[in-house]
C-alpha atoms as a PDB file:
ATOM      1  CA  MET A   1      26.995 -54.715  81.423  1.00  0.00           C
ATOM      2  CA  LEU A   2      28.271 -58.196  80.799  1.00  0.00           C
ATOM      3  CA  VAL A   3      30.566 -58.118  83.825  1.00  0.00           C
ATOM      4  CA  VAL A   4      27.615 -57.159  86.075  1.00  0.00           C
ATOM      5  CA  LEU A   5      25.497 -60.008  84.618  1.00  0.00           C
ATOM      6  CA  LEU A   6      28.235 -62.571  85.280  1.00  0.00           C
ATOM      7  CA  VAL A   7      28.743 -61.257  88.860  1.00  0.00           C
ATOM      8  CA  VAL A   8      25.057 -61.739  89.476  1.00  0.00           C
ATOM      9  CA  LEU A   9      24.963 -65.162  87.907  1.00  0.00           C
ATOM     10  CA  LEU A  10      28.130 -66.595  89.507  1.00  0.00           C
ATOM     11  CA  VAL A  11      28.138 -64.814  92.895  1.00  0.00           C
ATOM     12  CA  VAL A  12      24.692 -63.436  93.832  1.00  0.00           C
ATOM     13  CA  LEU A  13      22.457 -66.224  92.553  1.00  0.00           C
ATOM     14  CA  PRO A  14      24.423 -68.940  94.380  1.00  0.00           C
ATOM     15  CA  LEU A  15      24.438 -67.127  97.586  1.00  0.00           C
ATOM     16  CA  THR A  16      20.628 -66.476  97.206  1.00  0.00           C
ATOM     17  CA  GLU A  17      19.928 -70.117  96.479  1.00  0.00           C
ATOM     18  CA  LEU A  18      22.037 -71.235  99.581  1.00  0.00           C
ATOM     19  CA  TYR A  19      20.162 -68.740 101.760  1.00  0.00           C
ATOM     20  CA  VAL A  20      16.735 -69.676 100.577  1.00  0.00           C
ATOM     21  CA  PHE A  21      17.689 -73.360 100.855  1.00  0.00           C
ATOM     22  CA  VAL A  22      18.834 -73.044 104.569  1.00  0.00           C
ATOM     23  CA  GLN A  23      15.648 -71.045 105.368  1.00  0.00           C
ATOM     24  CA  VAL A  24      13.543 -73.694 103.725  1.00  0.00           C
ATOM     25  CA  GLY A  25      15.448 -76.354 105.550  1.00  0.00           C
ATOM     26  CA  ASP A  26      15.121 -74.757 108.808  1.00  0.00           C
ATOM     27  CA  ALA A  27      11.340 -74.492 108.195  1.00  0.00           C
ATOM     28  CA  ILE A  28      10.570 -77.962 106.899  1.00  0.00           C
ATOM     29  CA  GLY A  29      13.606 -80.129 107.593  1.00  0.00           C
ATOM     30  CA  PHE A  30      16.760 -80.522 105.386  1.00  0.00           C
ATOM     31  CA  GLY A  31      15.826 -84.021 104.151  1.00  0.00           C
ATOM     32  CA  LEU A  32      12.464 -82.833 103.133  1.00  0.00           C
ATOM     33  CA  ALA A  33      13.975 -79.832 101.461  1.00  0.00           C
ATOM     34  CA  ILE A  34      16.280 -82.078  99.438  1.00  0.00           C
ATOM     35  CA  VAL A  35      13.354 -84.225  98.292  1.00  0.00           C
ATOM     36  CA  LEU A  36      11.381 -81.182  97.471  1.00  0.00           C
ATOM     37  CA  LEU A  37      14.203 -79.836  95.330  1.00  0.00           C
ATOM     38  CA  ILE A  38      14.345 -83.035  93.480  1.00  0.00           C
ATOM     39  CA  ALA A  39      10.681 -83.313  92.953  1.00  0.00           C
ATOM     40  CA  CYS A  40      10.363 -79.759  91.658  1.00  0.00           C
ATOM     41  CA  SER A  41      13.144 -80.499  89.173  1.00  0.00           C
ATOM     42  CA  LEU A  42      11.573 -83.745  87.971  1.00  0.00           C
ATOM     43  CA  VAL A  43       8.084 -82.320  87.641  1.00  0.00           C
ATOM     44  CA  GLY A  44       9.365 -79.165  86.007  1.00  0.00           C
ATOM     45  CA  LEU A  45      11.365 -81.037  83.415  1.00  0.00           C
ATOM     46  CA  TRP A  46       8.521 -83.310  82.742  1.00  0.00           C
ATOM     47  CA  ILE A  47       6.332 -80.215  81.976  1.00  0.00           C
ATOM     48  CA  VAL A  48       9.131 -78.694  79.912  1.00  0.00           C
ATOM     49  CA  LYS A  49       9.276 -81.946  77.849  1.00  0.00           C
ATOM     50  CA  ARG A  50       5.412 -82.014  77.281  1.00  0.00           C
ATOM     51  CA  GLN A  51       5.428 -78.254  76.286  1.00  0.00           C
ATOM     52  CA  GLY A  52       8.481 -78.618  74.123  1.00  0.00           C
ATOM     53  CA  VAL A  53       6.896 -81.512  72.083  1.00  0.00           C
ATOM     54  CA  GLY A  54       3.769 -79.453  71.564  1.00  0.00           C
ATOM     55  CA  THR A  55       5.921 -76.445  70.415  1.00  0.00           C
ATOM     56  CA  TRP A  56       7.800 -78.747  68.089  1.00  0.00           C
ATOM     57  CA  ARG A  57       4.580 -80.125  66.582  1.00  0.00           C
ATOM     58  CA  ARG A  58       3.271 -76.607  66.097  1.00  0.00           C
ATOM     59  CA  ALA A  59       6.403 -75.543  64.455  1.00  0.00           C
ATOM     60  CA  GLN A  60       6.338 -78.473  62.062  1.00  0.00           C
ATOM     61  CA  ALA A  61       2.658 -77.840  61.192  1.00  0.00           C
ATOM     62  CA  GLN A  62       3.537 -74.182  60.321  1.00  0.00           C
ATOM     63  CA  LEU A  63       6.490 -75.234  58.294  1.00  0.00           C
ATOM     64  CA  ARG A  64       4.360 -77.659  56.213  1.00  0.00           C
ATOM     65  CA  ALA A  65       1.909 -74.831  55.646  1.00  0.00           C
ATOM     66  CA  GLY A  66       4.636 -72.836  54.325  1.00  0.00           C
ATOM     67  CA  GLU A  67       4.705 -70.341  57.268  1.00  0.00           C
ATOM     68  CA  ILE A  68       7.570 -69.124  59.408  1.00  0.00           C
ATOM     69  CA  PRO A  69       7.214 -70.607  63.016  1.00  0.00           C
ATOM     70  CA  ALA A  70       8.736 -67.526  64.649  1.00  0.00           C
ATOM     71  CA  ALA A  71       6.591 -67.639  67.804  1.00  0.00           C
ATOM     72  CA  GLU A  72       7.410 -71.276  68.221  1.00  0.00           C
ATOM     73  CA  VAL A  73      11.143 -70.687  67.901  1.00  0.00           C
ATOM     74  CA  VAL A  74      10.984 -68.084  70.677  1.00  0.00           C
ATOM     75  CA  ASP A  75       8.825 -70.458  72.812  1.00  0.00           C
ATOM     76  CA  GLY A  76      11.481 -73.162  72.183  1.00  0.00           C
ATOM     77  CA  ALA A  77      14.242 -70.954  73.324  1.00  0.00           C
ATOM     78  CA  VAL A  78      12.294 -69.793  76.437  1.00  0.00           C
ATOM     79  CA  LEU A  79      11.518 -73.490  77.301  1.00  0.00           C
ATOM     80  CA  LEU A  80      15.190 -74.277  76.958  1.00  0.00           C
ATOM     81  CA  VAL A  81      15.989 -71.526  79.496  1.00  0.00           C
ATOM     82  CA  ALA A  82      13.260 -72.818  81.741  1.00  0.00           C
ATOM     83  CA  GLY A  83      14.520 -76.369  81.527  1.00  0.00           C
ATOM     84  CA  THR A  84      18.117 -75.218  82.482  1.00  0.00           C
ATOM     85  CA  LEU A  85      16.876 -73.209  85.355  1.00  0.00           C
ATOM     86  CA  LEU A  86      14.839 -76.172  86.588  1.00  0.00           C
ATOM     87  CA  LEU A  87      18.115 -78.382  86.417  1.00  0.00           C
ATOM     88  CA  ILE A  88      19.985 -75.949  88.623  1.00  0.00           C
ATOM     89  CA  PRO A  89      19.506 -77.085  92.124  1.00  0.00           C
ATOM     90  CA  GLY A  90      17.766 -74.334  94.118  1.00  0.00           C
ATOM     91  CA  PHE A  91      14.420 -72.948  94.955  1.00  0.00           C
ATOM     92  CA  VAL A  92      14.926 -69.580  93.320  1.00  0.00           C
ATOM     93  CA  SER A  93      16.020 -70.966  89.914  1.00  0.00           C
ATOM     94  CA  ASP A  94      13.150 -73.396  90.164  1.00  0.00           C
ATOM     95  CA  LEU A  95      10.767 -70.543  90.746  1.00  0.00           C
ATOM     96  CA  LEU A  96      12.136 -68.539  87.707  1.00  0.00           C
ATOM     97  CA  GLY A  97      12.004 -71.725  85.598  1.00  0.00           C
ATOM     98  CA  ALA A  98       8.319 -72.467  86.740  1.00  0.00           C
ATOM     99  CA  VAL A  99       7.420 -68.816  85.894  1.00  0.00           C
ATOM    100  CA  LEU A 100       8.926 -69.179  82.328  1.00  0.00           C
ATOM    101  CA  LEU A 101       6.810 -72.309  81.729  1.00  0.00           C
ATOM    102  CA  LEU A 102       3.477 -70.267  82.017  1.00  0.00           C
ATOM    103  CA  PRO A 103       2.294 -69.514  78.510  1.00  0.00           C
ATOM    104  CA  PRO A 104       1.203 -66.008  79.256  1.00  0.00           C
ATOM    105  CA  VAL A 105       4.761 -64.975  80.321  1.00  0.00           C
ATOM    106  CA  ARG A 106       6.135 -66.044  77.034  1.00  0.00           C
ATOM    107  CA  TRP A 107       4.494 -63.227  75.102  1.00  0.00           C
ATOM    108  CA  LEU A 108       7.212 -60.826  76.468  1.00  0.00           C
ATOM    109  CA  PRO A 109      10.153 -62.688  74.776  1.00  0.00           C
ATOM    110  CA  ARG A 110       7.954 -63.072  71.620  1.00  0.00           C
ATOM    111  CA  ARG A 111       7.324 -59.369  71.607  1.00  0.00           C
ATOM    112  CA  TRP A 112      10.944 -58.557  72.213  1.00  0.00           C
ATOM    113  CA  ALA A 113      12.047 -60.908  69.367  1.00  0.00           C
ATOM    114  CA  SER A 114       9.352 -59.499  67.010  1.00  0.00           C
ATOM    115  CA  ARG A 115      10.916 -56.021  67.533  1.00  0.00           C
ATOM    116  CA  HIS A 116      14.605 -57.155  67.299  1.00  0.00           C
ATOM    117  CA  ARG A 117      14.675 -59.538  64.254  1.00  0.00           C
ATOM    118  CA  TYR A 118      15.376 -58.752  60.836  1.00  0.00           C
ATOM    119  CA  VAL A 119      13.137 -60.347  58.329  1.00  0.00           C
ATOM    120  CA  ARG A 120      13.726 -60.279  54.496  1.00  0.00           C
ATOM    121  CA  GLY A 121      10.415 -60.240  52.969  1.00  0.00           C
ATOM    122  CA  THR A 122      11.383 -60.481  49.317  1.00  0.00           C
ATOM    123  CA  ASN A 123      14.442 -61.629  47.257  1.00  0.00           C
ATOM    124  CA  LEU A 124      15.668 -58.837  45.294  1.00  0.00           C
ATOM    125  CA  VAL A 125      17.899 -59.943  42.511  1.00  0.00           C
ATOM    126  CA  TYR A 126      19.886 -57.570  40.260  1.00  0.00           C
ATOM    127  CA  GLY A 127      21.467 -58.847  37.128  1.00  0.00           C
ATOM    128  CA  LYS A 128      21.309 -62.403  35.566  1.00  0.00           C
ATOM    129  CA  VAL A 129      19.633 -65.378  37.449  1.00  0.00           C
ATOM    130  CA  ILE A 130      21.084 -68.682  37.209  1.00  0.00           C
ATOM    131  CA  ASP A 131      18.650 -71.322  38.433  1.00  0.00           C
ATOM    132  CA  VAL A 132      20.898 -73.836  40.368  1.00  0.00           C
ATOM    133  CA  ARG A 133      18.013 -75.680  42.252  1.00  0.00           C
ATOM    134  CA  GLY A 134      16.224 -76.732  38.974  1.00  0.00           C
ATOM    135  CA  THR A 135      13.115 -74.853  39.896  1.00  0.00           C
ATOM    136  CA  ALA A 136      12.778 -72.903  36.555  1.00  0.00           C
ATOM    137  CA  GLY A 137      10.425 -75.473  35.122  1.00  0.00           C
ATOM    138  CA  PRO A 138      10.500 -78.799  33.244  1.00  0.00           C
ATOM    139  CA  ARG A 139      13.311 -79.134  30.760  1.00  0.00           C
ATOM    140  CA  ASP A 140      12.946 -80.475  27.136  1.00  0.00           C
ATOM    141  CA  PRO A 141      13.807 -84.101  26.744  1.00  0.00           C
ATOM    142  CA  GLY A 142      16.328 -83.203  24.051  1.00  0.00           C
ATOM    143  CA  ASP A 143      17.925 -80.534  26.357  1.00  0.00           C
ATOM    144  CA  GLY A 144      21.027 -82.285  27.356  1.00  0.00           C
ATOM    145  CA  PRO A 145      24.713 -81.056  27.917  1.00  0.00           C
ATOM    146  CA  ARG A 146      26.059 -79.688  24.573  1.00  0.00           C
ATOM    147  CA  ALA A 147      29.126 -77.715  23.558  1.00  0.00           C
ATOM    148  CA  ILE A 148      28.932 -74.069  23.607  1.00  0.00           C
ATOM    149  CA  GLU A 149      29.521 -72.615  20.126  1.00  0.00           C
ATOM    150  CA  PRO A 150      31.279 -69.338  19.741  1.00  0.00           C
ATOM    151  CA  PRO A 151      29.100 -66.543  18.472  1.00  0.00           C
ATOM    152  CA  GLU A 152      29.299 -65.739  14.680  1.00  0.00           C
ATOM    153  CA  PRO A 153      31.317 -62.712  13.794  1.00  0.00           C
ATOM    154  CA  GLN A 154      29.367 -59.554  12.956  1.00  0.00           C
ATOM    155  CA  PRO A 155      29.976 -57.916   9.599  1.00  0.00           C
END
């Protein structure tokens, strides 16, 4: 499966990009096709930046509220893929990147991630617990380091 994906990414996609570029270049002119590619990349990256900042702010707000920003993490990953596709020169990759920028399209990766993630809802502890973070509560002022005394022998 991985070999097929690599063949598609390294052989089929570049050939498709080249074919589409030649067709668009024949239709509108090669200079205008290059300008259009650069404009699509710049506008797409600007949109990715705006949506990425919004996603980051929503994630920060959810973290401050004590919630897990699962949807925002998936949105950030999708935006990263969209930005990468927009950086690759070509009309096909720009089209795929632009489709990933549409918010309704992102529910598919969110749905996939929600079904394929493992969430630990509780912390189960068996045995003795040693509080290493200092969250067990306030200490007594006279509670400092002291020597451990051996237990008294039992008769």
